[in-house]
Amino acid sequence: MKGFWAIVFKEWIHIRRDPSILFFALVIPCIQITILGFAFDFDVRHLATAVADHSRSRESREYIQSLQNTQYVKVTHYASGGEEASNLIRSGKCRIAVIIPPDFERNPKALILLDGSDAQVASRASAALRGKITVDPNSPSATVRILYNPGGETRMFTIPGLIGVILQICTVVLTSLSLVKEKENGTMEQMMVTPVGKFGLMLGKMTPYAVMAMLDLPIILFAARLLFNITVKGSFLELVFMTIPFVLATLALGLLISIMANNQGQALQMVVILLIPSILLSGFIFPLDNVPAPLYIISQIMPTTHYMQILRSVIIRGVSLQDLWTPTLILWLMAAALTVLAAKKFSKSVS
């Protein structure tokens, strides 16, 4: 133990001189417990619901109100019929559809459709809404039907989400170490004196990894089909097109980390800090319907959130690009913004 206290004193001086160590050790845990504590909410409440009320009677209105009183149902759309209500679930605009027949006041039996692409939400909502079914023949009751995943298989929900998580980890980790290695190997100065523009440098760094990530997509989908019997119900080509902006956005995010970090250890720390909230707030593990408004806003600025919506919609429900142009456009905007930001940050760093 000779020299023990000298080393302790030396390390304490090093920590005091490097504020980033104190930030990672003291501030980041507080931020993480705040985000994760609110994010880990497996309760299901206020699910977007479409109502097709063919009865339009006092009894039907009272029944709809009783469903809303459970706090599981929030009527957001009124459909003209059962087909329109089903399409609202398929497009992802609603999680529940309530179809009330014309003779509801004489035969109070409704049909409730649930989006089974999120097995967790479907099972909890089904258990709650089935509680509305009574043995009294004169009381309103309902038949609950789960769409797209009637068996409630968890893998139907988790495997498509895992595809997004795997692609994000691969792209962010690979590019986050790209420029840091140039700095540590001493080749950054050589690259800076070459006649290469900053956007050319960013795109040149991103392109090889983008090609590898796009090759990963069919490989992962093939493995999902072979091992878990998960098939793409929508268009594979449309899924490829919607994957491109996600890959570019995550690659640019990794480059931004690589520019800000001084060494590989620091880059990996930043990657971990970024990946944990982006995975938990993407809807991969639990629904985002119940998270507080500030966390919901944060989730919407993360590329994984929008890509998770695309994956589950195309793979499980067979949704086309026509219904997913909004998240796709958001991903293209994110990719462009992050690439420009990385280029400008690199310009500042070399000056």
Protein backbone atom coordinates (compact mmCIF):
# COMPACT_ATOMS: atom_id res chain seq x y z
CA MET A 1 0.00 0.00 0.00
CA LYS A 2 3.00 2.31 -0.27
CA GLY A 3 2.06 5.51 -2.06
CA PHE A 4 -1.67 4.83 -1.77
CA TRP A 5 -2.62 8.29 -0.46
CA ALA A 6 -0.35 10.00 -2.95
CA ILE A 7 -2.18 8.31 -5.83
CA VAL A 8 -5.54 9.18 -4.29
CA PHE A 9 -4.50 12.83 -3.99
CA LYS A 10 -3.18 12.84 -7.55
CA GLU A 11 -6.42 11.38 -8.95
CA TRP A 12 -8.51 13.87 -6.98
CA ILE A 13 -6.53 16.75 -8.50
CA HIS A 14 -7.08 15.22 -11.96
CA ILE A 15 -10.84 15.04 -11.32
CA ARG A 16 -10.94 18.66 -10.14
CA ARG A 17 -9.13 19.81 -13.28
CA ASP A 18 -11.46 17.91 -15.62
CA PRO A 19 -15.04 19.14 -15.08
CA SER A 20 -16.39 16.55 -17.51
CA ILE A 21 -15.60 13.77 -15.03
CA LEU A 22 -17.67 15.47 -12.34
CA PHE A 23 -20.45 16.04 -14.87
CA PHE A 24 -20.59 12.37 -15.87
CA ALA A 25 -20.32 11.20 -12.26
CA LEU A 26 -22.76 13.56 -10.53
CA VAL A 27 -25.07 15.26 -13.02
CA ILE A 28 -25.78 12.48 -15.52
CA PRO A 29 -27.14 10.04 -12.88
CA CYS A 30 -29.61 12.71 -11.72
CA ILE A 31 -30.75 13.28 -15.30
CA GLN A 32 -31.07 9.53 -15.93
CA ILE A 33 -33.10 8.79 -12.79
CA THR A 34 -35.44 11.64 -13.69
CA ILE A 35 -35.96 10.47 -17.27
CA LEU A 36 -36.08 6.75 -16.55
CA GLY A 37 -38.24 7.12 -13.46
CA PHE A 38 -40.97 8.86 -15.44
CA ALA A 39 -40.41 6.75 -18.54
CA PHE A 40 -40.89 3.35 -16.88
CA ASP A 41 -44.66 3.56 -16.76
CA PHE A 42 -46.35 0.37 -17.94
CA ASP A 43 -49.86 1.62 -17.22
CA VAL A 44 -52.09 2.13 -20.24
CA ARG A 45 -54.34 5.17 -20.22
CA HIS A 46 -56.10 7.54 -22.62
CA LEU A 47 -55.63 5.41 -25.74
CA ALA A 48 -56.73 7.08 -28.99
CA THR A 49 -60.09 5.58 -29.88
CA ALA A 50 -62.33 5.67 -32.94
CA VAL A 51 -66.09 5.33 -32.47
CA ALA A 52 -68.54 4.16 -35.14
CA ASP A 53 -71.90 4.81 -33.50
CA HIS A 54 -74.68 3.46 -35.74
CA SER A 55 -77.25 3.78 -32.99
CA ARG A 56 -76.79 7.44 -32.00
CA SER A 57 -79.06 6.85 -29.04
CA ARG A 58 -78.91 7.89 -25.41
CA GLU A 59 -77.83 4.37 -24.48
CA SER A 60 -74.93 4.41 -26.94
CA ARG A 61 -73.73 7.80 -25.72
CA GLU A 62 -73.87 6.59 -22.11
CA TYR A 63 -71.94 3.46 -23.04
CA ILE A 64 -69.20 5.48 -24.79
CA GLN A 65 -68.97 7.75 -21.76
CA SER A 66 -68.68 4.72 -19.47
CA LEU A 67 -65.75 3.47 -21.56
CA GLN A 68 -64.04 6.85 -21.30
CA ASN A 69 -64.57 6.81 -17.54
CA THR A 70 -62.27 3.78 -17.35
CA GLN A 71 -59.40 6.18 -18.30
CA TYR A 72 -58.28 3.65 -20.91
CA VAL A 73 -60.30 5.16 -23.74
CA LYS A 74 -60.01 8.64 -25.24
CA VAL A 75 -62.31 9.25 -28.19
CA THR A 76 -60.31 11.09 -30.86
CA HIS A 77 -62.09 10.06 -34.07
CA TYR A 78 -65.67 9.40 -35.13
CA ALA A 79 -65.93 6.95 -38.02
CA SER A 80 -68.80 6.44 -40.43
CA GLY A 81 -68.54 2.67 -40.22
CA GLY A 82 -66.55 -0.33 -39.07
CA GLU A 83 -64.26 -0.33 -42.10
CA GLU A 84 -63.19 3.27 -41.55
CA ALA A 85 -62.64 2.55 -37.85
CA SER A 86 -60.44 -0.46 -38.74
CA ASN A 87 -58.44 1.65 -41.18
CA LEU A 88 -57.78 4.20 -38.44
CA ILE A 89 -56.23 1.42 -36.36
CA ARG A 90 -54.25 0.12 -39.33
CA SER A 91 -52.80 3.56 -40.07
CA GLY A 92 -51.77 3.96 -36.43
CA LYS A 93 -54.03 6.94 -35.74
CA CYS A 94 -56.05 4.98 -33.17
CA ARG A 95 -55.38 2.06 -30.85
CA ILE A 96 -59.02 1.13 -30.22
CA ALA A 97 -62.19 1.11 -32.31
CA VAL A 98 -65.67 0.86 -30.78
CA ILE A 99 -68.43 -0.21 -33.18
CA ILE A 100 -71.99 0.18 -31.91
CA PRO A 101 -74.79 -1.51 -33.90
CA PRO A 102 -78.01 0.31 -34.89
CA ASP A 103 -80.20 -1.69 -32.46
CA PHE A 104 -77.99 -1.03 -29.46
CA GLU A 105 -80.86 0.24 -27.29
CA ARG A 106 -82.66 -3.12 -27.72
CA ASN A 107 -79.60 -5.38 -27.93
CA PRO A 108 -76.78 -3.60 -26.05
CA LYS A 109 -73.79 -5.48 -27.50
CA ALA A 110 -70.88 -3.58 -29.04
CA LEU A 111 -67.74 -4.67 -30.86
CA ILE A 112 -64.36 -3.39 -29.65
CA LEU A 113 -61.30 -3.75 -31.89
CA LEU A 114 -57.80 -3.46 -30.39
CA ASP A 115 -54.47 -2.86 -32.10
CA GLY A 116 -52.52 -6.03 -31.32
CA SER A 117 -49.25 -4.78 -32.83
CA ASP A 118 -48.43 -3.54 -29.32
CA ALA A 119 -49.05 -6.69 -27.31
CA GLN A 120 -48.59 -4.96 -23.97
CA VAL A 121 -51.13 -2.25 -24.68
CA ALA A 122 -53.58 -4.72 -26.21
CA SER A 123 -53.47 -7.14 -23.28
CA ARG A 124 -53.94 -4.44 -20.65
CA ALA A 125 -56.67 -2.64 -22.56
CA SER A 126 -58.42 -5.94 -23.30
CA ALA A 127 -58.42 -6.92 -19.63
CA ALA A 128 -59.83 -3.55 -18.65
CA LEU A 129 -62.51 -3.40 -21.34
CA ARG A 130 -63.58 -6.99 -20.81
CA GLY A 131 -64.44 -5.90 -17.31
CA LYS A 132 -67.28 -3.93 -18.87
CA ILE A 133 -68.93 -7.21 -19.88
CA THR A 134 -71.57 -8.21 -17.34
CA VAL A 135 -73.79 -11.22 -16.85
CA ASP A 136 -76.85 -9.00 -16.84
CA PRO A 137 -78.38 -9.33 -20.35
CA ASN A 138 -79.88 -5.86 -20.07
CA SER A 139 -76.54 -4.18 -19.36
CA PRO A 140 -74.29 -3.03 -22.21
CA SER A 141 -71.58 -5.52 -23.10
CA ALA A 142 -68.89 -5.89 -25.74
CA THR A 143 -67.01 -8.43 -27.76
CA VAL A 144 -63.30 -7.61 -27.73
CA ARG A 145 -61.31 -8.58 -30.82
CA ILE A 146 -57.54 -8.11 -31.13
CA LEU A 147 -56.27 -7.31 -34.63
CA TYR A 148 -52.89 -8.18 -36.25
CA ASN A 149 -51.72 -10.22 -33.25
CA PRO A 150 -54.70 -12.12 -31.86
CA GLY A 151 -52.50 -14.54 -29.96
CA GLY A 152 -50.80 -11.69 -28.11
CA GLU A 153 -47.31 -12.95 -28.97
CA THR A 154 -44.66 -10.71 -27.44
CA ARG A 155 -42.19 -11.33 -30.25
CA MET A 156 -44.57 -9.75 -32.77
CA PHE A 157 -44.08 -6.53 -30.81
CA THR A 158 -40.43 -6.78 -29.75
CA ILE A 159 -38.72 -8.12 -32.91
CA PRO A 160 -39.65 -5.17 -35.20
CA GLY A 161 -38.56 -2.79 -32.46
CA LEU A 162 -35.27 -4.64 -32.05
CA ILE A 163 -34.48 -4.01 -35.71
CA GLY A 164 -34.50 -0.26 -35.06
CA VAL A 165 -32.47 -0.62 -31.86
CA ILE A 166 -29.83 -2.80 -33.57
CA LEU A 167 -29.48 -0.44 -36.54
CA GLN A 168 -29.16 2.55 -34.20
CA ILE A 169 -26.47 0.92 -32.07
CA CYS A 170 -24.44 -0.19 -35.10
CA THR A 171 -24.55 3.17 -36.88
CA VAL A 172 -23.98 5.42 -33.86
CA VAL A 173 -21.15 3.34 -32.38
CA LEU A 174 -19.29 2.95 -35.68
CA THR A 175 -19.34 6.61 -36.67
CA SER A 176 -18.83 7.93 -33.13
CA LEU A 177 -15.35 6.39 -33.19
CA SER A 178 -14.53 7.49 -36.74
CA LEU A 179 -13.07 10.99 -36.28
CA VAL A 180 -11.82 10.18 -32.77
CA LYS A 181 -9.53 7.52 -34.24
CA GLU A 182 -8.25 10.11 -36.73
CA LYS A 183 -7.39 12.41 -33.82
CA GLU A 184 -5.67 9.68 -31.81
CA ASN A 185 -3.74 8.30 -34.80
CA GLY A 186 -2.56 11.76 -35.83
CA THR A 187 -4.11 11.59 -39.30
CA MET A 188 -6.60 14.38 -38.63
CA GLU A 189 -4.06 17.08 -39.52
CA GLN A 190 -3.27 15.36 -42.82
CA MET A 191 -6.96 15.18 -43.68
CA MET A 192 -7.47 18.84 -42.81
CA VAL A 193 -4.86 20.03 -45.33
CA THR A 194 -6.36 18.01 -48.19
CA PRO A 195 -8.72 19.82 -50.62
CA VAL A 196 -11.87 18.24 -49.17
CA GLY A 197 -14.92 20.33 -48.24
CA LYS A 198 -16.53 19.89 -44.85
CA PHE A 199 -19.77 18.49 -46.30
CA GLY A 200 -17.76 16.21 -48.56
CA LEU A 201 -15.86 15.01 -45.51
CA MET A 202 -19.06 14.33 -43.51
CA LEU A 203 -20.82 12.54 -46.36
CA GLY A 204 -17.67 10.64 -47.26
CA LYS A 205 -17.40 9.39 -43.68
CA MET A 206 -21.07 8.42 -43.61
CA THR A 207 -21.45 6.68 -46.98
CA PRO A 208 -19.56 3.39 -46.31
CA TYR A 209 -21.34 2.90 -42.99
CA ALA A 210 -24.68 3.76 -44.61
CA VAL A 211 -24.14 1.05 -47.23
CA MET A 212 -23.29 -1.50 -44.51
CA ALA A 213 -26.35 -0.51 -42.47
CA MET A 214 -28.65 -0.86 -45.48
CA LEU A 215 -27.16 -4.31 -46.12
CA ASP A 216 -27.86 -5.17 -42.49
CA LEU A 217 -31.59 -4.52 -42.93
CA PRO A 218 -32.42 -7.47 -45.25
CA ILE A 219 -30.07 -9.72 -43.26
CA ILE A 220 -31.87 -8.89 -40.00
CA LEU A 221 -35.30 -9.28 -41.62
CA PHE A 222 -34.28 -12.67 -43.03
CA ALA A 223 -33.10 -13.79 -39.59
CA ALA A 224 -36.37 -12.58 -38.05
CA ARG A 225 -38.35 -14.62 -40.56
CA LEU A 226 -36.17 -17.70 -40.21
CA LEU A 227 -35.95 -17.74 -36.41
CA PHE A 228 -39.16 -16.04 -35.25
CA ASN A 229 -41.51 -16.34 -38.26
CA ILE A 230 -41.84 -12.54 -38.46
CA THR A 231 -42.62 -11.49 -42.03
CA VAL A 232 -42.97 -8.02 -43.54
CA LYS A 233 -46.67 -7.57 -44.30
CA GLY A 234 -46.10 -4.28 -46.12
CA SER A 235 -43.82 -3.34 -49.00
CA PHE A 236 -40.16 -4.20 -48.49
CA LEU A 237 -39.04 -1.54 -50.99
CA GLU A 238 -41.02 1.15 -49.18
CA LEU A 239 -39.46 0.01 -45.89
CA VAL A 240 -36.00 0.34 -47.46
CA PHE A 241 -36.83 3.86 -48.64
CA MET A 242 -38.05 4.85 -45.16
CA THR A 243 -34.95 3.30 -43.56
CA ILE A 244 -32.51 5.48 -45.53
CA PRO A 245 -33.21 8.76 -43.65
CA PHE A 246 -33.08 6.95 -40.29
CA VAL A 247 -29.65 5.51 -41.10
CA LEU A 248 -28.37 8.88 -42.29
CA ALA A 249 -29.70 10.62 -39.17
CA THR A 250 -28.08 8.16 -36.76
CA LEU A 251 -24.80 8.21 -38.70
CA ALA A 252 -24.74 12.01 -38.52
CA LEU A 253 -25.49 11.79 -34.80
CA GLY A 254 -22.53 9.46 -34.35
CA LEU A 255 -20.28 11.85 -36.28
CA LEU A 256 -21.43 14.71 -34.08
CA ILE A 257 -20.40 12.70 -31.02
CA SER A 258 -17.07 11.87 -32.66
CA ILE A 259 -16.40 15.56 -33.30
CA MET A 260 -17.23 16.57 -29.72
CA ALA A 261 -15.22 13.77 -28.06
CA ASN A 262 -11.47 13.99 -27.47
CA ASN A 263 -10.85 10.24 -27.22
CA GLN A 264 -12.60 6.91 -27.73
CA GLY A 265 -13.49 6.51 -24.06
CA GLN A 266 -15.25 9.84 -24.00
CA ALA A 267 -17.06 9.00 -27.24
CA LEU A 268 -18.34 5.72 -25.82
CA GLN A 269 -19.56 7.51 -22.69
CA MET A 270 -21.55 9.91 -24.85
CA VAL A 271 -22.95 7.01 -26.87
CA VAL A 272 -24.20 5.25 -23.72
CA ILE A 273 -25.77 8.46 -22.41
CA LEU A 274 -27.54 8.94 -25.75
CA LEU A 275 -28.62 5.34 -26.40
CA ILE A 276 -30.33 4.62 -23.08
CA PRO A 277 -32.91 7.46 -23.27
CA SER A 278 -33.37 7.06 -27.03
CA ILE A 279 -34.24 3.38 -26.63
CA LEU A 280 -36.47 3.83 -23.59
CA LEU A 281 -38.28 6.86 -25.00
CA SER A 282 -38.78 5.41 -28.48
CA GLY A 283 -41.77 3.25 -27.58
CA PHE A 284 -39.67 0.09 -27.85
CA ILE A 285 -40.40 -1.15 -24.32
CA PHE A 286 -43.53 0.72 -23.26
CA PRO A 287 -46.05 3.07 -24.90
CA LEU A 288 -45.44 6.80 -24.99
CA ASP A 289 -49.10 7.67 -24.42
CA ASN A 290 -48.61 8.19 -20.69
CA VAL A 291 -45.20 9.86 -20.41
CA PRO A 292 -45.14 13.46 -19.14
CA ALA A 293 -45.28 16.18 -21.78
CA PRO A 294 -41.58 17.23 -21.48
CA LEU A 295 -40.41 13.64 -21.99
CA TYR A 296 -42.83 13.18 -24.86
CA ILE A 297 -41.33 16.24 -26.57
CA ILE A 298 -37.84 14.81 -26.04
CA SER A 299 -38.94 11.49 -27.54
CA GLN A 300 -40.15 13.26 -30.68
CA ILE A 301 -36.70 14.72 -31.42
CA MET A 302 -35.12 11.27 -31.42
CA PRO A 303 -34.91 9.46 -34.79
CA THR A 304 -35.57 6.05 -33.23
CA THR A 305 -39.07 7.07 -32.10
CA HIS A 306 -40.24 7.77 -35.64
CA TYR A 307 -38.45 4.77 -37.14
CA MET A 308 -40.03 2.50 -34.49
CA GLN A 309 -43.44 3.69 -35.68
CA ILE A 310 -42.48 2.93 -39.29
CA LEU A 311 -41.15 -0.55 -38.51
CA ARG A 312 -44.16 -1.76 -36.57
CA SER A 313 -46.60 -0.21 -39.01
CA VAL A 314 -45.01 -1.79 -42.10
CA ILE A 315 -44.00 -5.16 -40.63
CA ILE A 316 -47.03 -5.92 -38.45
CA ARG A 317 -49.93 -3.97 -39.95
CA GLY A 318 -48.78 -3.70 -43.59
CA VAL A 319 -49.09 0.08 -43.72
CA SER A 320 -47.86 1.82 -46.88
CA LEU A 321 -45.74 4.93 -47.35
CA GLN A 322 -48.89 6.92 -48.06
CA ASP A 323 -49.88 6.66 -44.37
CA LEU A 324 -46.31 7.04 -43.06
CA TRP A 325 -45.11 10.08 -44.98
CA THR A 326 -45.12 12.23 -41.82
CA PRO A 327 -42.53 10.21 -39.81
CA THR A 328 -40.54 9.65 -43.01
CA LEU A 329 -40.40 13.39 -43.73
CA ILE A 330 -39.38 14.07 -40.12
CA LEU A 331 -36.50 11.58 -40.47
CA TRP A 332 -35.31 13.24 -43.69
CA LEU A 333 -35.35 16.64 -41.96
CA MET A 334 -33.47 15.21 -38.97
CA ALA A 335 -30.85 13.64 -41.25
CA ALA A 336 -30.29 16.95 -43.08
CA ALA A 337 -30.18 19.00 -39.87
CA LEU A 338 -27.77 16.66 -38.06
CA THR A 339 -25.44 16.48 -41.09
CA VAL A 340 -25.31 20.28 -41.37
CA LEU A 341 -24.76 20.58 -37.60
CA ALA A 342 -21.93 18.04 -37.69
CA ALA A 343 -20.26 19.88 -40.59
CA LYS A 344 -20.52 23.25 -38.83
CA LYS A 345 -19.27 21.80 -35.54
CA PHE A 346 -16.31 20.25 -37.33
CA SER A 347 -15.54 23.60 -38.95
CA LYS A 348 -15.48 25.27 -35.55
CA SER A 349 -13.36 22.55 -34.00
CA VAL A 350 -10.60 22.76 -36.61
CA SER A 351 -10.45 26.54 -36.39
